[in-house]
Amino acid sequence: MIARQAGPDDAGELVRLRAVMLRSMNPAEWSDGWREPARQALIARLSAADDPTMAAFVVDRPDGTGLASCVLGTIETRLGNPGDPTGRSGYVFSVATDPDLRRRGYSRQCMTALLAWFRTRGIRKVDLRASADGEPLYRSLGFVRTSEPAMRLRL
């Protein structure tokens, strides 16, 4: 199987795989109310042909019944700094493979395609948050732990 760039028609399956990833993180609370807004957002963002700032790469299930694996990433623009004058960076926010199809290299194919997409757009830095299961893959692709602590405020 070879990774391909996802389009708006893949939005439902992308949301399904995102739920696989999110459930694996054992959330304290769960509801499905996020699924339809997420699907609509993906349709809109993946349809933007002018200046796309989001991309998804997928591997189809071998039996043709949907997606086996996916990765989604965005280009974020902040103010530049000495290490990155453009202020543009990539962020990987969803990597998932159906449990019955793991350990076949599908996530690696998707990640490699997304990283190439970032490179063609001049992105010099890509961030992600790694689970313990995903960290070996990301390290093999050149990702390293940073010293920047993350903090969050829910409003």
C-alpha atoms as a PDB file:
ATOM      1  CA  MET A   1       0.000   0.000   0.000  1.00  0.00           C
ATOM      2  CA  ILE A   2       1.209   3.497  -0.782  1.00  0.00           C
ATOM      3  CA  ALA A   3       0.256   6.682   1.056  1.00  0.00           C
ATOM      4  CA  ARG A   4      -1.830   9.160  -0.901  1.00  0.00           C
ATOM      5  CA  GLN A   5      -2.986  12.675  -0.132  1.00  0.00           C
ATOM      6  CA  ALA A   6      -6.490  12.667   1.308  1.00  0.00           C
ATOM      7  CA  GLY A   7      -9.301  14.760  -0.063  1.00  0.00           C
ATOM      8  CA  PRO A   8     -12.652  15.988   1.222  1.00  0.00           C
ATOM      9  CA  ASP A   9     -14.264  12.613   0.444  1.00  0.00           C
ATOM     10  CA  ASP A  10     -12.008  11.021   3.072  1.00  0.00           C
ATOM     11  CA  ALA A  11     -13.267  13.274   5.896  1.00  0.00           C
ATOM     12  CA  GLY A  12     -15.561  10.677   7.483  1.00  0.00           C
ATOM     13  CA  GLU A  13     -12.842   8.044   7.633  1.00  0.00           C
ATOM     14  CA  LEU A  14     -10.310  10.587   8.927  1.00  0.00           C
ATOM     15  CA  VAL A  15     -12.668  11.379  11.797  1.00  0.00           C
ATOM     16  CA  ARG A  16     -13.183   7.667  12.471  1.00  0.00           C
ATOM     17  CA  LEU A  17      -9.420   7.088  12.692  1.00  0.00           C
ATOM     18  CA  ARG A  18      -8.998  10.179  14.868  1.00  0.00           C
ATOM     19  CA  ALA A  19     -11.491   8.611  17.272  1.00  0.00           C
ATOM     20  CA  VAL A  20      -9.362   5.428  17.293  1.00  0.00           C
ATOM     21  CA  MET A  21      -6.354   7.542  18.309  1.00  0.00           C
ATOM     22  CA  LEU A  22      -8.231   9.596  20.893  1.00  0.00           C
ATOM     23  CA  ARG A  23      -9.829   6.549  22.519  1.00  0.00           C
ATOM     24  CA  SER A  24      -6.386   4.931  22.840  1.00  0.00           C
ATOM     25  CA  MET A  25      -5.420   7.850  25.073  1.00  0.00           C
ATOM     26  CA  ASN A  26      -8.157   6.789  27.547  1.00  0.00           C
ATOM     27  CA  PRO A  27      -9.974  10.103  27.852  1.00  0.00           C
ATOM     28  CA  ALA A  28     -11.758  10.656  31.156  1.00  0.00           C
ATOM     29  CA  GLU A  29     -14.786  11.983  29.301  1.00  0.00           C
ATOM     30  CA  TRP A  30     -16.091  10.918  25.916  1.00  0.00           C
ATOM     31  CA  SER A  31     -18.851  12.113  23.664  1.00  0.00           C
ATOM     32  CA  ASP A  32     -19.324  11.877  19.932  1.00  0.00           C
ATOM     33  CA  GLY A  33     -20.550  15.455  19.527  1.00  0.00           C
ATOM     34  CA  TRP A  34     -17.203  16.513  18.056  1.00  0.00           C
ATOM     35  CA  ARG A  35     -17.371  14.137  15.085  1.00  0.00           C
ATOM     36  CA  GLU A  36     -19.682  16.046  12.716  1.00  0.00           C
ATOM     37  CA  PRO A  37     -18.065  19.472  13.310  1.00  0.00           C
ATOM     38  CA  ALA A  38     -14.662  17.837  12.753  1.00  0.00           C
ATOM     39  CA  ARG A  39     -15.872  16.199   9.537  1.00  0.00           C
ATOM     40  CA  GLN A  40     -17.215  19.524   8.260  1.00  0.00           C
ATOM     41  CA  ALA A  41     -13.959  21.299   9.164  1.00  0.00           C
ATOM     42  CA  LEU A  42     -11.949  18.653   7.310  1.00  0.00           C
ATOM     43  CA  ILE A  43     -14.126  18.965   4.224  1.00  0.00           C
ATOM     44  CA  ALA A  44     -13.568  22.729   4.185  1.00  0.00           C
ATOM     45  CA  ARG A  45      -9.850  22.629   4.963  1.00  0.00           C
ATOM     46  CA  LEU A  46      -9.008  19.771   2.584  1.00  0.00           C
ATOM     47  CA  SER A  47     -10.952  21.535  -0.204  1.00  0.00           C
ATOM     48  CA  ALA A  48      -8.836  24.700   0.037  1.00  0.00           C
ATOM     49  CA  ALA A  49      -6.804  24.576  -3.155  1.00  0.00           C
ATOM     50  CA  ASP A  50      -5.491  28.157  -3.093  1.00  0.00           C
ATOM     51  CA  ASP A  51      -3.154  28.125  -0.106  1.00  0.00           C
ATOM     52  CA  PRO A  52      -3.674  24.878   1.770  1.00  0.00           C
ATOM     53  CA  THR A  53      -2.543  24.985   5.380  1.00  0.00           C
ATOM     54  CA  MET A  54      -3.756  21.495   6.241  1.00  0.00           C
ATOM     55  CA  ALA A  55      -2.951  18.171   4.663  1.00  0.00           C
ATOM     56  CA  ALA A  56      -3.800  14.571   5.384  1.00  0.00           C
ATOM     57  CA  PHE A  57      -2.067  11.522   4.010  1.00  0.00           C
ATOM     58  CA  VAL A  58      -3.664   8.103   4.153  1.00  0.00           C
ATOM     59  CA  VAL A  59      -3.191   4.459   3.333  1.00  0.00           C
ATOM     60  CA  ASP A  60      -6.294   2.616   2.175  1.00  0.00           C
ATOM     61  CA  ARG A  61      -7.294  -0.661   3.816  1.00  0.00           C
ATOM     62  CA  PRO A  62      -6.092  -3.607   1.714  1.00  0.00           C
ATOM     63  CA  ASP A  63      -9.676  -4.865   1.374  1.00  0.00           C
ATOM     64  CA  GLY A  64     -10.877  -1.469   0.083  1.00  0.00           C
ATOM     65  CA  THR A  65     -13.343  -0.872   2.942  1.00  0.00           C
ATOM     66  CA  GLY A  66     -11.960   2.477   4.095  1.00  0.00           C
ATOM     67  CA  LEU A  67      -8.717   3.823   5.487  1.00  0.00           C
ATOM     68  CA  ALA A  68      -6.095   1.809   7.328  1.00  0.00           C
ATOM     69  CA  SER A  69      -3.943   4.700   8.508  1.00  0.00           C
ATOM     70  CA  CYS A  70      -3.745   8.469   8.421  1.00  0.00           C
ATOM     71  CA  VAL A  71      -1.751  11.484   9.470  1.00  0.00           C
ATOM     72  CA  LEU A  72      -2.968  15.082   9.593  1.00  0.00           C
ATOM     73  CA  GLY A  73      -0.859  18.179   9.829  1.00  0.00           C
ATOM     74  CA  THR A  74      -1.164  21.930   9.617  1.00  0.00           C
ATOM     75  CA  ILE A  75       1.040  24.859   8.770  1.00  0.00           C
ATOM     76  CA  GLU A  76       0.950  27.453  11.522  1.00  0.00           C
ATOM     77  CA  THR A  77       2.148  31.020  11.157  1.00  0.00           C
ATOM     78  CA  ARG A  78       3.491  32.943  14.128  1.00  0.00           C
ATOM     79  CA  LEU A  79       5.979  35.785  14.385  1.00  0.00           C
ATOM     80  CA  GLY A  80       9.446  34.929  13.160  1.00  0.00           C
ATOM     81  CA  ASN A  81      12.404  34.492  15.460  1.00  0.00           C
ATOM     82  CA  PRO A  82      16.181  34.058  15.072  1.00  0.00           C
ATOM     83  CA  GLY A  83      15.836  30.302  14.523  1.00  0.00           C
ATOM     84  CA  ASP A  84      12.962  30.635  12.063  1.00  0.00           C
ATOM     85  CA  PRO A  85      12.614  34.074  10.420  1.00  0.00           C
ATOM     86  CA  THR A  86       9.400  33.105   8.590  1.00  0.00           C
ATOM     87  CA  GLY A  87       7.528  32.065  11.726  1.00  0.00           C
ATOM     88  CA  ARG A  88       5.962  29.213   9.769  1.00  0.00           C
ATOM     89  CA  SER A  89       6.038  25.756  11.286  1.00  0.00           C
ATOM     90  CA  GLY A  90       4.367  22.434  10.803  1.00  0.00           C
ATOM     91  CA  TYR A  91       2.326  20.653  13.411  1.00  0.00           C
ATOM     92  CA  VAL A  92       1.316  16.989  13.270  1.00  0.00           C
ATOM     93  CA  PHE A  93      -1.844  16.486  15.283  1.00  0.00           C
ATOM     94  CA  SER A  94      -3.314  13.144  14.383  1.00  0.00           C
ATOM     95  CA  VAL A  95      -1.580   9.877  13.536  1.00  0.00           C
ATOM     96  CA  ALA A  96      -3.672   6.724  13.654  1.00  0.00           C
ATOM     97  CA  THR A  97      -3.780   3.204  12.301  1.00  0.00           C
ATOM     98  CA  ASP A  98      -6.569   0.717  12.810  1.00  0.00           C
ATOM     99  CA  PRO A  99      -5.475  -1.770  15.486  1.00  0.00           C
ATOM    100  CA  ASP A 100      -5.774  -4.786  13.167  1.00  0.00           C
ATOM    101  CA  LEU A 101      -3.391  -3.196  10.630  1.00  0.00           C
ATOM    102  CA  ARG A 102      -0.588  -1.890  12.856  1.00  0.00           C
ATOM    103  CA  ARG A 103       3.118  -2.715  12.451  1.00  0.00           C
ATOM    104  CA  ARG A 104       2.966  -2.745   8.645  1.00  0.00           C
ATOM    105  CA  GLY A 105       4.651   0.609   8.000  1.00  0.00           C
ATOM    106  CA  TYR A 106       1.473   2.498   7.129  1.00  0.00           C
ATOM    107  CA  SER A 107       2.004   5.327   9.635  1.00  0.00           C
ATOM    108  CA  ARG A 108       5.602   5.669   8.448  1.00  0.00           C
ATOM    109  CA  GLN A 109       4.422   6.034   4.840  1.00  0.00           C
ATOM    110  CA  CYS A 110       1.863   8.660   5.862  1.00  0.00           C
ATOM    111  CA  MET A 111       4.374  10.579   8.004  1.00  0.00           C
ATOM    112  CA  THR A 112       7.009  10.514   5.248  1.00  0.00           C
ATOM    113  CA  ALA A 113       4.491  11.928   2.776  1.00  0.00           C
ATOM    114  CA  LEU A 114       3.405  14.674   5.206  1.00  0.00           C
ATOM    115  CA  LEU A 115       7.016  15.647   5.919  1.00  0.00           C
ATOM    116  CA  ALA A 116       7.655  15.912   2.163  1.00  0.00           C
ATOM    117  CA  TRP A 117       4.539  18.118   1.864  1.00  0.00           C
ATOM    118  CA  PHE A 118       5.909  20.399   4.607  1.00  0.00           C
ATOM    119  CA  ARG A 119       9.317  20.570   2.873  1.00  0.00           C
ATOM    120  CA  THR A 120       7.814  21.621  -0.469  1.00  0.00           C
ATOM    121  CA  ARG A 121       6.144  24.515   1.354  1.00  0.00           C
ATOM    122  CA  GLY A 122       9.377  25.743   2.924  1.00  0.00           C
ATOM    123  CA  ILE A 123       8.570  24.545   6.432  1.00  0.00           C
ATOM    124  CA  ARG A 124      11.769  24.187   8.466  1.00  0.00           C
ATOM    125  CA  LYS A 125      10.390  22.979  11.808  1.00  0.00           C
ATOM    126  CA  VAL A 126       7.703  20.394  12.585  1.00  0.00           C
ATOM    127  CA  ASP A 127       6.304  19.738  16.052  1.00  0.00           C
ATOM    128  CA  LEU A 128       4.158  16.960  17.439  1.00  0.00           C
ATOM    129  CA  ARG A 129       3.211  15.360  20.712  1.00  0.00           C
ATOM    130  CA  ALA A 130       4.284  11.754  20.858  1.00  0.00           C
ATOM    131  CA  SER A 131       2.652   8.891  22.680  1.00  0.00           C
ATOM    132  CA  ALA A 132       4.946   6.214  24.081  1.00  0.00           C
ATOM    133  CA  ASP A 133       3.809   3.887  21.270  1.00  0.00           C
ATOM    134  CA  GLY A 134       4.520   6.466  18.568  1.00  0.00           C
ATOM    135  CA  GLU A 135       7.822   7.826  19.828  1.00  0.00           C
ATOM    136  CA  PRO A 136      10.065   5.162  18.184  1.00  0.00           C
ATOM    137  CA  LEU A 137       8.587   5.992  14.768  1.00  0.00           C
ATOM    138  CA  TYR A 138       9.057   9.723  15.239  1.00  0.00           C
ATOM    139  CA  ARG A 139      12.622   9.298  16.511  1.00  0.00           C
ATOM    140  CA  SER A 140      13.460   7.176  13.463  1.00  0.00           C
ATOM    141  CA  LEU A 141      12.229  10.059  11.291  1.00  0.00           C
ATOM    142  CA  GLY A 142      14.529  12.516  13.077  1.00  0.00           C
ATOM    143  CA  PHE A 143      12.240  14.004  15.755  1.00  0.00           C
ATOM    144  CA  VAL A 144      13.860  14.739  19.114  1.00  0.00           C
ATOM    145  CA  ARG A 145      12.465  15.723  22.503  1.00  0.00           C
ATOM    146  CA  THR A 146      12.600  19.461  23.165  1.00  0.00           C
ATOM    147  CA  SER A 147      13.172  21.340  26.382  1.00  0.00           C
ATOM    148  CA  GLU A 148      10.081  23.468  25.873  1.00  0.00           C
ATOM    149  CA  PRO A 149       7.465  22.604  28.490  1.00  0.00           C
ATOM    150  CA  ALA A 150       3.889  22.670  27.338  1.00  0.00           C
ATOM    151  CA  MET A 151       1.170  24.332  29.379  1.00  0.00           C
ATOM    152  CA  ARG A 152      -2.572  24.705  28.773  1.00  0.00           C
ATOM    153  CA  LEU A 153      -5.462  26.813  30.017  1.00  0.00           C
ATOM    154  CA  ARG A 154      -9.012  25.751  29.214  1.00  0.00           C
ATOM    155  CA  LEU A 155     -11.373  28.696  28.765  1.00  0.00           C
END
